[in-house]
PDB file of N, CA and C in Angstrom:
ATOM      1  N   UNK A   1      18.928  -2.037 -10.602  1.00  0.00           N
ATOM      2  CA  UNK A   1      18.804  -3.444  -9.861  1.00  0.00           C
ATOM      3  C   UNK A   1      17.644  -2.890  -8.684  1.00  0.00           C
ATOM      4  N   UNK A   2      17.168  -3.537  -8.353  1.00  0.00           N
ATOM      5  CA  UNK A   2      16.077  -3.193  -7.193  1.00  0.00           C
ATOM      6  C   UNK A   2      16.263  -4.210  -6.075  1.00  0.00           C
ATOM      7  N   UNK A   3      16.161  -3.971  -4.890  1.00  0.00           N
ATOM      8  CA  UNK A   3      16.268  -4.372  -3.891  1.00  0.00           C
ATOM      9  C   UNK A   3      15.176  -4.686  -3.062  1.00  0.00           C
ATOM     10  N   UNK A   4      15.280  -5.999  -2.223  1.00  0.00           N
ATOM     11  CA  UNK A   4      14.634  -6.124  -1.247  1.00  0.00           C
ATOM     12  C   UNK A   4      14.565  -5.332  -0.226  1.00  0.00           C
ATOM     13  N   UNK A   5      13.971  -4.521   0.504  1.00  0.00           N
ATOM     14  CA  UNK A   5      13.935  -4.071   1.759  1.00  0.00           C
ATOM     15  C   UNK A   5      14.182  -4.692   2.738  1.00  0.00           C
ATOM     16  N   UNK A   6      13.380  -6.144   2.900  1.00  0.00           N
ATOM     17  CA  UNK A   6      13.395  -6.963   4.191  1.00  0.00           C
ATOM     18  C   UNK A   6      15.008  -7.965   4.385  1.00  0.00           C
ATOM     19  N   UNK A   7      14.952  -8.468   2.994  1.00  0.00           N
ATOM     20  CA  UNK A   7      15.678  -9.625   2.433  1.00  0.00           C
ATOM     21  C   UNK A   7      17.597  -8.705   1.985  1.00  0.00           C
ATOM     22  N   UNK A   8      17.143  -7.583   1.436  1.00  0.00           N
ATOM     23  CA  UNK A   8      18.266  -6.831   0.820  1.00  0.00           C
ATOM     24  C   UNK A   8      19.032  -8.180  -0.785  1.00  0.00           C
ATOM     25  N   UNK A   9      18.116  -8.968  -0.567  1.00  0.00           N
ATOM     26  CA  UNK A   9      18.509  -9.608  -2.324  1.00  0.00           C
ATOM     27  C   UNK A   9      17.563  -8.719  -3.145  1.00  0.00           C
ATOM     28  N   UNK A  10      18.136  -9.432  -4.595  1.00  0.00           N
ATOM     29  CA  UNK A  10      17.580  -8.522  -5.801  1.00  0.00           C
ATOM     30  C   UNK A  10      16.616  -9.202  -6.001  1.00  0.00           C
ATOM     31  N   UNK A  11      15.370  -8.039  -5.927  1.00  0.00           N
ATOM     32  CA  UNK A  11      14.131  -8.548  -6.903  1.00  0.00           C
ATOM     33  C   UNK A  11      13.926  -9.309  -8.212  1.00  0.00           C
ATOM     34  N   UNK A  12      13.206  -9.866  -8.553  1.00  0.00           N
ATOM     35  CA  UNK A  12      13.236 -10.624 -10.098  1.00  0.00           C
ATOM     36  C   UNK A  12      12.655  -9.805 -10.826  1.00  0.00           C
ATOM     37  N   UNK A  13      11.366  -9.300 -10.513  1.00  0.00           N
ATOM     38  CA  UNK A  13      10.125  -8.448 -11.522  1.00  0.00           C
ATOM     39  C   UNK A  13      10.213  -6.901 -10.730  1.00  0.00           C
ATOM     40  N   UNK A  14       9.539  -6.530 -11.875  1.00  0.00           N
ATOM     41  CA  UNK A  14       9.281  -4.768 -11.639  1.00  0.00           C
ATOM     42  C   UNK A  14       8.040  -5.336 -10.991  1.00  0.00           C
ATOM     43  N   UNK A  15       6.838  -6.085 -10.901  1.00  0.00           N
ATOM     44  CA  UNK A  15       5.463  -6.385  -9.780  1.00  0.00           C
ATOM     45  C   UNK A  15       5.953  -6.573  -8.742  1.00  0.00           C
ATOM     46  N   UNK A  16       6.952  -7.220  -7.986  1.00  0.00           N
ATOM     47  CA  UNK A  16       7.819  -7.181  -6.921  1.00  0.00           C
ATOM     48  C   UNK A  16       8.539  -5.960  -6.043  1.00  0.00           C
ATOM     49  N   UNK A  17       8.961  -4.705  -7.042  1.00  0.00           N
ATOM     50  CA  UNK A  17       9.111  -3.851  -6.528  1.00  0.00           C
ATOM     51  C   UNK A  17       7.916  -2.490  -6.362  1.00  0.00           C
ATOM     52  N   UNK A  18       6.773  -2.685  -7.597  1.00  0.00           N
ATOM     53  CA  UNK A  18       5.578  -2.121  -6.770  1.00  0.00           C
ATOM     54  C   UNK A  18       5.089  -2.882  -5.759  1.00  0.00           C
ATOM     55  N   UNK A  19       5.121  -4.088  -5.651  1.00  0.00           N
ATOM     56  CA  UNK A  19       4.599  -4.818  -4.450  1.00  0.00           C
ATOM     57  C   UNK A  19       5.130  -3.869  -3.109  1.00  0.00           C
ATOM     58  N   UNK A  20       6.560  -3.991  -3.313  1.00  0.00           N
ATOM     59  CA  UNK A  20       7.226  -3.291  -1.980  1.00  0.00           C
ATOM     60  C   UNK A  20       7.172  -1.726  -1.960  1.00  0.00           C
ATOM     61  N   UNK A  21       6.752  -0.693  -3.375  1.00  0.00           N
ATOM     62  CA  UNK A  21       6.624   0.335  -2.759  1.00  0.00           C
ATOM     63  C   UNK A  21       5.151   0.553  -2.546  1.00  0.00           C
ATOM     64  N   UNK A  22       4.187  -0.239  -2.587  1.00  0.00           N
ATOM     65  CA  UNK A  22       2.822   0.292  -2.524  1.00  0.00           C
ATOM     66  C   UNK A  22       2.837  -0.181  -1.195  1.00  0.00           C
ATOM     67  N   UNK A  23       3.456  -1.156  -0.475  1.00  0.00           N
ATOM     68  CA  UNK A  23       3.774  -1.143   1.283  1.00  0.00           C
ATOM     69  C   UNK A  23       4.288  -0.401   1.754  1.00  0.00           C
ATOM     70  N   UNK A  24       5.512   0.440   1.331  1.00  0.00           N
ATOM     71  CA  UNK A  24       6.455   1.825   1.712  1.00  0.00           C
ATOM     72  C   UNK A  24       5.117   2.803   1.523  1.00  0.00           C
ATOM     73  N   UNK A  25       4.531   2.790   0.724  1.00  0.00           N
ATOM     74  CA  UNK A  25       4.053   3.922   0.434  1.00  0.00           C
ATOM     75  C   UNK A  25       2.397   3.711   1.984  1.00  0.00           C
ATOM     76  N   UNK A  26       1.945   2.978   2.162  1.00  0.00           N
ATOM     77  CA  UNK A  26       0.822   2.837   2.388  1.00  0.00           C
ATOM     78  C   UNK A  26       1.066   2.736   4.459  1.00  0.00           C
ATOM     79  N   UNK A  27       2.344   2.300   4.926  1.00  0.00           N
ATOM     80  CA  UNK A  27       2.758   2.320   5.815  1.00  0.00           C
ATOM     81  C   UNK A  27       3.879   3.013   6.034  1.00  0.00           C
ATOM     82  N   UNK A  28       4.024   4.393   5.501  1.00  0.00           N
ATOM     83  CA  UNK A  28       4.790   5.508   6.128  1.00  0.00           C
ATOM     84  C   UNK A  28       3.923   6.526   6.562  1.00  0.00           C
ATOM     85  N   UNK A  29       3.777   6.888   8.050  1.00  0.00           N
ATOM     86  CA  UNK A  29       2.801   7.705   7.944  1.00  0.00           C
ATOM     87  C   UNK A  29       3.097   9.050   7.321  1.00  0.00           C
ATOM     88  N   UNK A  30       2.369   9.816   6.725  1.00  0.00           N
ATOM     89  CA  UNK A  30       2.431  11.555   6.132  1.00  0.00           C
ATOM     90  C   UNK A  30       2.784  12.348   7.139  1.00  0.00           C
ATOM     91  N   UNK A  31       3.879  13.122   6.518  1.00  0.00           N
ATOM     92  CA  UNK A  31       5.017  14.083   7.394  1.00  0.00           C
ATOM     93  C   UNK A  31       5.960  13.383   8.166  1.00  0.00           C
ATOM     94  N   UNK A  32       6.327  11.904   8.684  1.00  0.00           N
ATOM     95  CA  UNK A  32       7.432  11.518   8.680  1.00  0.00           C
ATOM     96  C   UNK A  32       8.817  11.205   7.820  1.00  0.00           C
ATOM     97  N   UNK A  33       8.739  11.391   6.727  1.00  0.00           N
ATOM     98  CA  UNK A  33      10.081  11.720   5.822  1.00  0.00           C
ATOM     99  C   UNK A  33      10.461  13.369   5.432  1.00  0.00           C
ATOM    100  N   UNK A  34      11.361  13.459   6.070  1.00  0.00           N
ATOM    101  CA  UNK A  34      11.517  14.580   5.705  1.00  0.00           C
ATOM    102  C   UNK A  34      12.183  15.637   4.766  1.00  0.00           C
ATOM    103  N   UNK A  35      12.443  15.201   3.518  1.00  0.00           N
ATOM    104  CA  UNK A  35      12.345  15.908   2.360  1.00  0.00           C
ATOM    105  C   UNK A  35      11.294  15.553   1.877  1.00  0.00           C
ATOM    106  N   UNK A  36      10.432  14.672   2.216  1.00  0.00           N
ATOM    107  CA  UNK A  36       9.396  14.438   1.169  1.00  0.00           C
ATOM    108  C   UNK A  36       7.824  14.437   2.729  1.00  0.00           C
ATOM    109  N   UNK A  37       7.734  15.413   3.213  1.00  0.00           N
ATOM    110  CA  UNK A  37       6.927  15.729   3.992  1.00  0.00           C
ATOM    111  C   UNK A  37       5.660  14.757   3.499  1.00  0.00           C
ATOM    112  N   UNK A  38       4.949  15.041   2.250  1.00  0.00           N
ATOM    113  CA  UNK A  38       3.729  14.824   2.111  1.00  0.00           C
ATOM    114  C   UNK A  38       3.592  13.007   1.811  1.00  0.00           C
ATOM    115  N   UNK A  39       4.602  12.985   1.466  1.00  0.00           N
ATOM    116  CA  UNK A  39       5.103  11.197   1.012  1.00  0.00           C
ATOM    117  C   UNK A  39       4.153  10.269   2.558  1.00  0.00           C
ATOM    118  N   UNK A  40       3.388   9.226   1.865  1.00  0.00           N
ATOM    119  CA  UNK A  40       3.223   8.613   3.242  1.00  0.00           C
ATOM    120  C   UNK A  40       1.510   8.412   2.559  1.00  0.00           C
ATOM    121  N   UNK A  41       0.985   7.896   3.753  1.00  0.00           N
ATOM    122  CA  UNK A  41      -0.539   7.711   3.354  1.00  0.00           C
ATOM    123  C   UNK A  41      -1.313   7.930   5.118  1.00  0.00           C
ATOM    124  N   UNK A  42      -2.724   7.787   5.109  1.00  0.00           N
ATOM    125  CA  UNK A  42      -3.044   7.727   6.457  1.00  0.00           C
ATOM    126  C   UNK A  42      -3.852   7.011   7.060  1.00  0.00           C
ATOM    127  N   UNK A  43      -2.805   5.424   6.689  1.00  0.00           N
ATOM    128  CA  UNK A  43      -3.493   4.543   7.148  1.00  0.00           C
ATOM    129  C   UNK A  43      -3.036   4.117   8.514  1.00  0.00           C
ATOM    130  N   UNK A  44      -1.985   4.490   8.423  1.00  0.00           N
ATOM    131  CA  UNK A  44      -1.391   4.495   9.911  1.00  0.00           C
ATOM    132  C   UNK A  44      -1.731   4.921  11.153  1.00  0.00           C
ATOM    133  N   UNK A  45      -2.923   6.370  10.754  1.00  0.00           N
ATOM    134  CA  UNK A  45      -3.559   6.538  11.854  1.00  0.00           C
ATOM    135  C   UNK A  45      -4.586   6.102  12.042  1.00  0.00           C
ATOM    136  N   UNK A  46      -5.241   4.882  11.126  1.00  0.00           N
ATOM    137  CA  UNK A  46      -6.598   4.220  10.894  1.00  0.00           C
ATOM    138  C   UNK A  46      -6.721   3.086  11.616  1.00  0.00           C
ATOM    139  N   UNK A  47      -5.880   2.645  11.294  1.00  0.00           N
ATOM    140  CA  UNK A  47      -5.362   0.809  11.219  1.00  0.00           C
ATOM    141  C   UNK A  47      -5.868   0.448  12.782  1.00  0.00           C
ATOM    142  N   UNK A  48      -5.751   1.066  13.718  1.00  0.00           N
ATOM    143  CA  UNK A  48      -6.208   0.381  14.765  1.00  0.00           C
ATOM    144  C   UNK A  48      -7.143   1.169  15.307  1.00  0.00           C
ATOM    145  N   UNK A  49      -8.583   1.326  14.886  1.00  0.00           N
ATOM    146  CA  UNK A  49      -9.204   1.611  15.338  1.00  0.00           C
ATOM    147  C   UNK A  49     -10.720   0.508  14.483  1.00  0.00           C
ATOM    148  N   UNK A  50     -11.643   0.816  15.204  1.00  0.00           N
ATOM    149  CA  UNK A  50     -12.934  -0.272  14.968  1.00  0.00           C
ATOM    150  C   UNK A  50     -13.392  -0.377  13.478  1.00  0.00           C
ATOM    151  N   UNK A  51     -13.604  -1.832  13.252  1.00  0.00           N
ATOM    152  CA  UNK A  51     -13.970  -1.945  11.262  1.00  0.00           C
ATOM    153  C   UNK A  51     -15.676  -1.853  11.615  1.00  0.00           C
ATOM    154  N   UNK A  52     -15.601  -0.057  10.944  1.00  0.00           N
ATOM    155  CA  UNK A  52     -17.090  -0.254  10.766  1.00  0.00           C
ATOM    156  C   UNK A  52     -16.994   0.321   9.067  1.00  0.00           C
ATOM    157  N   UNK A  53     -18.218   0.685   8.747  1.00  0.00           N
ATOM    158  CA  UNK A  53     -18.414   1.313   7.345  1.00  0.00           C
ATOM    159  C   UNK A  53     -17.691   2.898   7.072  1.00  0.00           C
ATOM    160  N   UNK A  54     -17.860   3.421   7.965  1.00  0.00           N
ATOM    161  CA  UNK A  54     -16.692   4.668   7.897  1.00  0.00           C
ATOM    162  C   UNK A  54     -15.542   4.645   7.566  1.00  0.00           C
ATOM    163  N   UNK A  55     -15.186   3.662   8.823  1.00  0.00           N
ATOM    164  CA  UNK A  55     -13.382   3.154   8.912  1.00  0.00           C
ATOM    165  C   UNK A  55     -13.519   2.665   7.170  1.00  0.00           C
ATOM    166  N   UNK A  56     -14.005   1.824   6.942  1.00  0.00           N
ATOM    167  CA  UNK A  56     -14.015   1.228   5.708  1.00  0.00           C
ATOM    168  C   UNK A  56     -13.674   1.876   4.594  1.00  0.00           C
ATOM    169  N   UNK A  57     -14.636   3.250   4.668  1.00  0.00           N
ATOM    170  CA  UNK A  57     -14.515   4.362   3.727  1.00  0.00           C
ATOM    171  C   UNK A  57     -13.339   5.373   3.754  1.00  0.00           C
ATOM    172  N   UNK A  58     -13.017   5.586   5.135  1.00  0.00           N
ATOM    173  CA  UNK A  58     -11.537   6.186   5.246  1.00  0.00           C
ATOM    174  C   UNK A  58     -10.239   5.214   4.293  1.00  0.00           C
ATOM    175  N   UNK A  59     -10.518   4.410   4.724  1.00  0.00           N
ATOM    176  CA  UNK A  59      -9.369   3.122   4.064  1.00  0.00           C
ATOM    177  C   UNK A  59      -9.365   3.162   2.610  1.00  0.00           C
ATOM    178  N   UNK A  60     -10.030   3.557   1.688  1.00  0.00           N
ATOM    179  CA  UNK A  60     -10.190   3.191   0.586  1.00  0.00           C
ATOM    180  C   UNK A  60      -9.420   4.449   0.264  1.00  0.00           C
ATOM    181  N   UNK A  61     -10.061   5.759   0.750  1.00  0.00           N
ATOM    182  CA  UNK A  61      -9.833   7.037   0.321  1.00  0.00           C
ATOM    183  C   UNK A  61      -8.150   6.429   0.256  1.00  0.00           C
ATOM    184  N   UNK A  62      -7.433   6.080   1.882  1.00  0.00           N
ATOM    185  CA  UNK A  62      -6.586   5.891   2.647  1.00  0.00           C
ATOM    186  C   UNK A  62      -5.247   5.633   1.054  1.00  0.00           C
ATOM    187  N   UNK A  63      -5.718   4.662   0.873  1.00  0.00           N
ATOM    188  CA  UNK A  63      -5.335   3.970  -0.096  1.00  0.00           C
ATOM    189  C   UNK A  63      -4.827   4.461  -0.975  1.00  0.00           C
ATOM    190  N   UNK A  64      -5.678   4.684  -1.914  1.00  0.00           N
ATOM    191  CA  UNK A  64      -6.407   5.359  -3.468  1.00  0.00           C
ATOM    192  C   UNK A  64      -5.696   6.524  -3.631  1.00  0.00           C
ATOM    193  N   UNK A  65      -5.675   7.591  -3.044  1.00  0.00           N
ATOM    194  CA  UNK A  65      -4.887   8.902  -2.997  1.00  0.00           C
ATOM    195  C   UNK A  65      -3.777   8.866  -3.413  1.00  0.00           C
ATOM    196  N   UNK A  66      -2.723   8.220  -2.218  1.00  0.00           N
ATOM    197  CA  UNK A  66      -1.135   8.328  -2.172  1.00  0.00           C
ATOM    198  C   UNK A  66      -0.903   7.199  -2.908  1.00  0.00           C
ATOM    199  N   UNK A  67      -1.138   6.331  -3.492  1.00  0.00           N
ATOM    200  CA  UNK A  67      -0.779   5.356  -4.696  1.00  0.00           C
ATOM    201  C   UNK A  67      -1.214   5.593  -5.935  1.00  0.00           C
ATOM    202  N   UNK A  68      -2.709   7.010  -6.617  1.00  0.00           N
ATOM    203  CA  UNK A  68      -2.450   7.597  -7.501  1.00  0.00           C
ATOM    204  C   UNK A  68      -1.508   8.833  -7.787  1.00  0.00           C
ATOM    205  N   UNK A  69      -0.922   8.647  -6.171  1.00  0.00           N
ATOM    206  CA  UNK A  69       0.085  10.116  -6.510  1.00  0.00           C
ATOM    207  C   UNK A  69       1.418   9.690  -6.368  1.00  0.00           C
ATOM    208  N   UNK A  70       1.965   8.314  -5.905  1.00  0.00           N
ATOM    209  CA  UNK A  70       3.399   8.239  -5.465  1.00  0.00           C
ATOM    210  C   UNK A  70       3.385   7.009  -6.425  1.00  0.00           C
ATOM    211  N   UNK A  71       2.642   6.191  -6.465  1.00  0.00           N
ATOM    212  CA  UNK A  71       2.900   4.833  -8.001  1.00  0.00           C
ATOM    213  C   UNK A  71       2.221   4.920  -9.146  1.00  0.00           C
ATOM    214  N   UNK A  72       2.962   5.637  -9.911  1.00  0.00           N
ATOM    215  CA  UNK A  72       2.439   5.708 -11.639  1.00  0.00           C
ATOM    216  C   UNK A  72       3.044   4.813 -12.344  1.00  0.00           C
ATOM    217  N   UNK A  73       2.846   3.580 -11.723  1.00  0.00           N
ATOM    218  CA  UNK A  73       3.678   2.550 -12.817  1.00  0.00           C
ATOM    219  C   UNK A  73       1.880   1.634 -12.797  1.00  0.00           C
ATOM    220  N   UNK A  74       1.334   1.478 -12.020  1.00  0.00           N
ATOM    221  CA  UNK A  74      -0.260   1.204 -11.941  1.00  0.00           C
ATOM    222  C   UNK A  74      -1.681   2.181 -12.193  1.00  0.00           C
ATOM    223  N   UNK A  75      -2.509   1.697 -12.476  1.00  0.00           N
ATOM    224  CA  UNK A  75      -3.616   2.108 -12.538  1.00  0.00           C
ATOM    225  C   UNK A  75      -4.671   0.837 -11.745  1.00  0.00           C
ATOM    226  N   UNK A  76      -5.501   1.692 -10.742  1.00  0.00           N
ATOM    227  CA  UNK A  76      -6.115   0.694 -10.028  1.00  0.00           C
ATOM    228  C   UNK A  76      -6.878   0.610 -10.068  1.00  0.00           C
ATOM    229  N   UNK A  77      -8.093  -0.858 -10.344  1.00  0.00           N
ATOM    230  CA  UNK A  77      -9.337  -1.235 -10.725  1.00  0.00           C
ATOM    231  C   UNK A  77     -10.166  -1.179  -9.749  1.00  0.00           C
ATOM    232  N   UNK A  78      -9.728  -2.004  -8.551  1.00  0.00           N
ATOM    233  CA  UNK A  78     -10.240  -2.392  -7.892  1.00  0.00           C
ATOM    234  C   UNK A  78      -9.556  -2.806  -6.017  1.00  0.00           C
ATOM    235  N   UNK A  79      -9.862  -2.168  -5.448  1.00  0.00           N
ATOM    236  CA  UNK A  79      -9.179  -2.347  -4.178  1.00  0.00           C
ATOM    237  C   UNK A  79     -10.224  -3.613  -3.377  1.00  0.00           C
ATOM    238  N   UNK A  80      -9.596  -3.836  -1.954  1.00  0.00           N
ATOM    239  CA  UNK A  80     -10.403  -5.021  -1.336  1.00  0.00           C
ATOM    240  C   UNK A  80      -9.689  -4.730  -0.401  1.00  0.00           C
ATOM    241  N   UNK A  81     -10.010  -4.874   0.751  1.00  0.00           N
ATOM    242  CA  UNK A  81     -10.043  -4.965   2.157  1.00  0.00           C
ATOM    243  C   UNK A  81     -10.125  -5.972   3.054  1.00  0.00           C
ATOM    244  N   UNK A  82      -9.512  -6.479   4.105  1.00  0.00           N
ATOM    245  CA  UNK A  82      -9.616  -7.401   4.892  1.00  0.00           C
ATOM    246  C   UNK A  82      -9.169  -7.266   5.851  1.00  0.00           C
ATOM    247  N   UNK A  83      -9.777  -7.409   7.204  1.00  0.00           N
ATOM    248  CA  UNK A  83      -9.020  -7.444   8.329  1.00  0.00           C
ATOM    249  C   UNK A  83      -9.127  -8.857   8.917  1.00  0.00           C
ATOM    250  N   UNK A  84      -7.560  -8.623   9.306  1.00  0.00           N
ATOM    251  CA  UNK A  84      -7.012 -10.027  10.053  1.00  0.00           C
ATOM    252  C   UNK A  84      -7.359 -10.527  11.268  1.00  0.00           C
ATOM    253  N   UNK A  85      -6.472  -9.081  11.583  1.00  0.00           N
ATOM    254  CA  UNK A  85      -6.840  -9.206  13.122  1.00  0.00           C
ATOM    255  C   UNK A  85      -6.285  -7.108  13.407  1.00  0.00           C
ATOM    256  N   UNK A  86      -6.354  -7.670  15.201  1.00  0.00           N
ATOM    257  CA  UNK A  86      -6.236  -5.743  15.351  1.00  0.00           C
ATOM    258  C   UNK A  86      -4.582  -5.342  15.404  1.00  0.00           C
ATOM    259  N   UNK A  87      -4.442  -4.476  14.314  1.00  0.00           N
ATOM    260  CA  UNK A  87      -2.989  -3.876  13.817  1.00  0.00           C
ATOM    261  C   UNK A  87      -2.721  -4.796  12.169  1.00  0.00           C
ATOM    262  N   UNK A  88      -3.340  -5.728  11.904  1.00  0.00           N
ATOM    263  CA  UNK A  88      -3.363  -6.151  10.788  1.00  0.00           C
ATOM    264  C   UNK A  88      -3.944  -5.994   9.849  1.00  0.00           C
ATOM    265  N   UNK A  89      -3.681  -5.449   8.425  1.00  0.00           N
ATOM    266  CA  UNK A  89      -4.789  -5.396   7.316  1.00  0.00           C
ATOM    267  C   UNK A  89      -4.258  -5.860   6.549  1.00  0.00           C
ATOM    268  N   UNK A  90      -5.039  -6.819   5.540  1.00  0.00           N
ATOM    269  CA  UNK A  90      -4.637  -7.360   3.967  1.00  0.00           C
ATOM    270  C   UNK A  90      -5.320  -6.219   3.418  1.00  0.00           C
ATOM    271  N   UNK A  91      -5.157  -6.417   2.517  1.00  0.00           N
ATOM    272  CA  UNK A  91      -4.864  -5.235   1.155  1.00  0.00           C
ATOM    273  C   UNK A  91      -4.876  -6.071  -0.248  1.00  0.00           C
ATOM    274  N   UNK A  92      -6.292  -5.933  -0.772  1.00  0.00           N
ATOM    275  CA  UNK A  92      -5.603  -6.697  -2.477  1.00  0.00           C
ATOM    276  C   UNK A  92      -6.011  -6.005  -3.333  1.00  0.00           C
ATOM    277  N   UNK A  93      -5.441  -5.621  -4.162  1.00  0.00           N
ATOM    278  CA  UNK A  93      -5.222  -4.899  -5.817  1.00  0.00           C
ATOM    279  C   UNK A  93      -5.410  -5.339  -6.739  1.00  0.00           C
ATOM    280  N   UNK A  94      -6.130  -5.327  -7.410  1.00  0.00           N
ATOM    281  CA  UNK A  94      -6.616  -5.626  -8.596  1.00  0.00           C
ATOM    282  C   UNK A  94      -5.799  -4.365  -9.967  1.00  0.00           C
ATOM    283  N   UNK A  95      -5.446  -4.281 -10.478  1.00  0.00           N
ATOM    284  CA  UNK A  95      -4.874  -3.286 -11.227  1.00  0.00           C
ATOM    285  C   UNK A  95      -3.795  -3.390 -12.515  1.00  0.00           C
ATOM    286  N   UNK A  96      -3.918  -2.368 -13.139  1.00  0.00           N
ATOM    287  CA  UNK A  96      -3.278  -2.639 -14.654  1.00  0.00           C
ATOM    288  C   UNK A  96      -1.430  -1.939 -14.124  1.00  0.00           C
ATOM    289  N   UNK A  97      -0.623  -3.378 -14.830  1.00  0.00           N
ATOM    290  CA  UNK A  97       0.571  -2.776 -14.676  1.00  0.00           C
ATOM    291  C   UNK A  97       1.100  -1.427 -16.316  1.00  0.00           C
ATOM    292  N   UNK A  98       0.438  -0.102 -16.282  1.00  0.00           N
ATOM    293  CA  UNK A  98       0.964   0.184 -17.315  1.00  0.00           C
ATOM    294  C   UNK A  98       1.746   0.020 -18.384  1.00  0.00           C
ATOM    295  N   UNK A  99       2.758   0.006 -17.878  1.00  0.00           N
ATOM    296  CA  UNK A  99       4.172   0.004 -18.926  1.00  0.00           C
ATOM    297  C   UNK A  99       3.976  -1.339 -20.441  1.00  0.00           C
ATOM    298  N   UNK A 100       3.379  -2.403 -19.797  1.00  0.00           N
ATOM    299  CA  UNK A 100       2.478  -3.454 -20.727  1.00  0.00           C
ATOM    300  C   UNK A 100       1.072  -3.690 -20.767  1.00  0.00           C
ATOM    301  N   UNK A 101       0.122  -2.880 -20.093  1.00  0.00           N
ATOM    302  CA  UNK A 101      -0.754  -2.959 -19.819  1.00  0.00           C
ATOM    303  C   UNK A 101      -1.677  -4.321 -19.231  1.00  0.00           C
ATOM    304  N   UNK A 102      -0.594  -4.764 -18.507  1.00  0.00           N
ATOM    305  CA  UNK A 102      -1.276  -6.443 -17.749  1.00  0.00           C
ATOM    306  C   UNK A 102      -1.691  -6.219 -16.323  1.00  0.00           C
ATOM    307  N   UNK A 103      -2.916  -7.130 -16.308  1.00  0.00           N
ATOM    308  CA  UNK A 103      -3.924  -6.950 -15.521  1.00  0.00           C
ATOM    309  C   UNK A 103      -2.687  -7.537 -14.408  1.00  0.00           C
ATOM    310  N   UNK A 104      -2.951  -7.323 -13.524  1.00  0.00           N
ATOM    311  CA  UNK A 104      -2.134  -7.731 -11.783  1.00  0.00           C
ATOM    312  C   UNK A 104      -3.304  -7.714 -10.826  1.00  0.00           C
ATOM    313  N   UNK A 105      -2.852  -8.992  -9.645  1.00  0.00           N
ATOM    314  CA  UNK A 105      -3.649  -8.959  -8.585  1.00  0.00           C
ATOM    315  C   UNK A 105      -2.780  -8.882  -7.694  1.00  0.00           C
ATOM    316  N   UNK A 106      -2.627  -8.040  -6.315  1.00  0.00           N
ATOM    317  CA  UNK A 106      -1.557  -7.502  -5.344  1.00  0.00           C
ATOM    318  C   UNK A 106      -2.174  -7.973  -3.866  1.00  0.00           C
ATOM    319  N   UNK A 107      -1.198  -8.857  -3.272  1.00  0.00           N
ATOM    320  CA  UNK A 107      -2.139  -9.234  -1.824  1.00  0.00           C
ATOM    321  C   UNK A 107      -1.276  -8.239  -1.000  1.00  0.00           C
ATOM    322  N   UNK A 108      -1.782  -7.436  -0.378  1.00  0.00           N
ATOM    323  CA  UNK A 108      -0.460  -6.722   0.739  1.00  0.00           C
ATOM    324  C   UNK A 108      -1.146  -6.743   1.815  1.00  0.00           C
ATOM    325  N   UNK A 109      -0.056  -7.431   2.792  1.00  0.00           N
ATOM    326  CA  UNK A 109      -0.533  -7.025   4.030  1.00  0.00           C
ATOM    327  C   UNK A 109      -0.024  -6.009   4.964  1.00  0.00           C
ATOM    328  N   UNK A 110      -1.000  -5.133   5.840  1.00  0.00           N
ATOM    329  CA  UNK A 110      -0.166  -4.154   6.091  1.00  0.00           C
ATOM    330  C   UNK A 110      -0.178  -4.562   7.535  1.00  0.00           C
ATOM    331  N   UNK A 111       1.051  -4.442   8.269  1.00  0.00           N
ATOM    332  CA  UNK A 111       1.199  -4.803   9.807  1.00  0.00           C
ATOM    333  C   UNK A 111       1.698  -3.141  10.370  1.00  0.00           C
ATOM    334  N   UNK A 112       0.796  -2.814  11.175  1.00  0.00           N
ATOM    335  CA  UNK A 112       1.233  -1.645  11.721  1.00  0.00           C
ATOM    336  C   UNK A 112       1.015  -1.657  13.450  1.00  0.00           C
ATOM    337  N   UNK A 113       1.828  -0.706  13.905  1.00  0.00           N
ATOM    338  CA  UNK A 113       1.653  -0.417  15.432  1.00  0.00           C
ATOM    339  C   UNK A 113       2.319  -1.408  16.438  1.00  0.00           C
ATOM    340  N   UNK A 114       1.712  -1.917  17.435  1.00  0.00           N
ATOM    341  CA  UNK A 114       2.176  -2.454  18.268  1.00  0.00           C
ATOM    342  C   UNK A 114       1.979  -4.190  18.396  1.00  0.00           C
ATOM    343  N   UNK A 115       1.357  -4.812  16.882  1.00  0.00           N
ATOM    344  CA  UNK A 115       0.897  -5.671  17.284  1.00  0.00           C
ATOM    345  C   UNK A 115       1.916  -6.537  16.430  1.00  0.00           C
TER     346      UNK A 115
END
């Protein structure tokens, strides 16, 4: 049984669980988990910086690398990054759900910091 971390309700699909897992991985600062110091991403360090080409490249790396390591149920085809406002980043992932080879598209808002 998979539970929503925000509502406590049962998640209906594995895709919803993957969405929740990706959000957790990307919003957890590296080093903040006591028993898993390597878990998380560098996105919390990057999200409040001014949006420019260098930052976008760093964000792609900060998304792809931890998802490759920690979320083995998908294979990422493409990453889309959208800035909505300061402290809020919207992420689009085109991926393949590996157990069924199903193409999926996930839209993931990442809220960080004091925003």
